[in-house]
């Protein structure tokens, strides 16, 4: 007996993602993993040029961006998307753990940086953080950056007047951000509500002139505030 399967439309509040990677099989795998979690992949791009065009056409909530692609790379694509669509949330998703790639991606406007060896659940958390206006950095990236800084010379703490900028609570927040925790995890750690953490982190970022968690991680590691 022939059975028909009815496909239901995704809910209106489903997260919409554009996947950018030059490997077809990888894009298909990401689409499958995200679909299991109710995330809608609205488009796929195999190059930076296509990513810029589709981001403008589709206006996704989050753009998963690879770094190394033929033609226009992910950093330049991120820069162009950020300049055209300031509200766009570009989450770098790549195999590269090089400090130069991290720095360039953040400078271009990426809100987070994840390595492709993360689990499906970790990828979902990263996407959810991006949608919430937060950002995540793979712990492996943080470790790599810290090792690099130690090899190139022990990070120097800021001047005394700079250290006075941060209260003990703000230093604790910064330390938790560096460990890769999102706002919800920080809230559980400090027994604070999500709203309180969100406001506290926003004030901390404004005080330091930073845009997101990723920049906060780099700031803390480079200045030796968190070791």
Foldseek 3Di string as FASTA:
>chain_A
DDDDDDDDDQDPPAAEEEEEAQDPVVVVVLCVLVVVVSHHHPYYHNALVVLLVCCVVPVGLEYAAEADHPDHGRLVSLLNNCVVPVNYAYEYEYQDLDPVSLVSNVVSPHQEYHYNPDDSVVVVVQSVQSSVQAHFYPQVSLVVLLVVCVVVPQAAADDPVVVVLDDPVLLVLLQVLLNGDGLVVVCVVVVHDSVVSVVSVVVSCVSVVHRHSSVSNVVCSNNVSDD
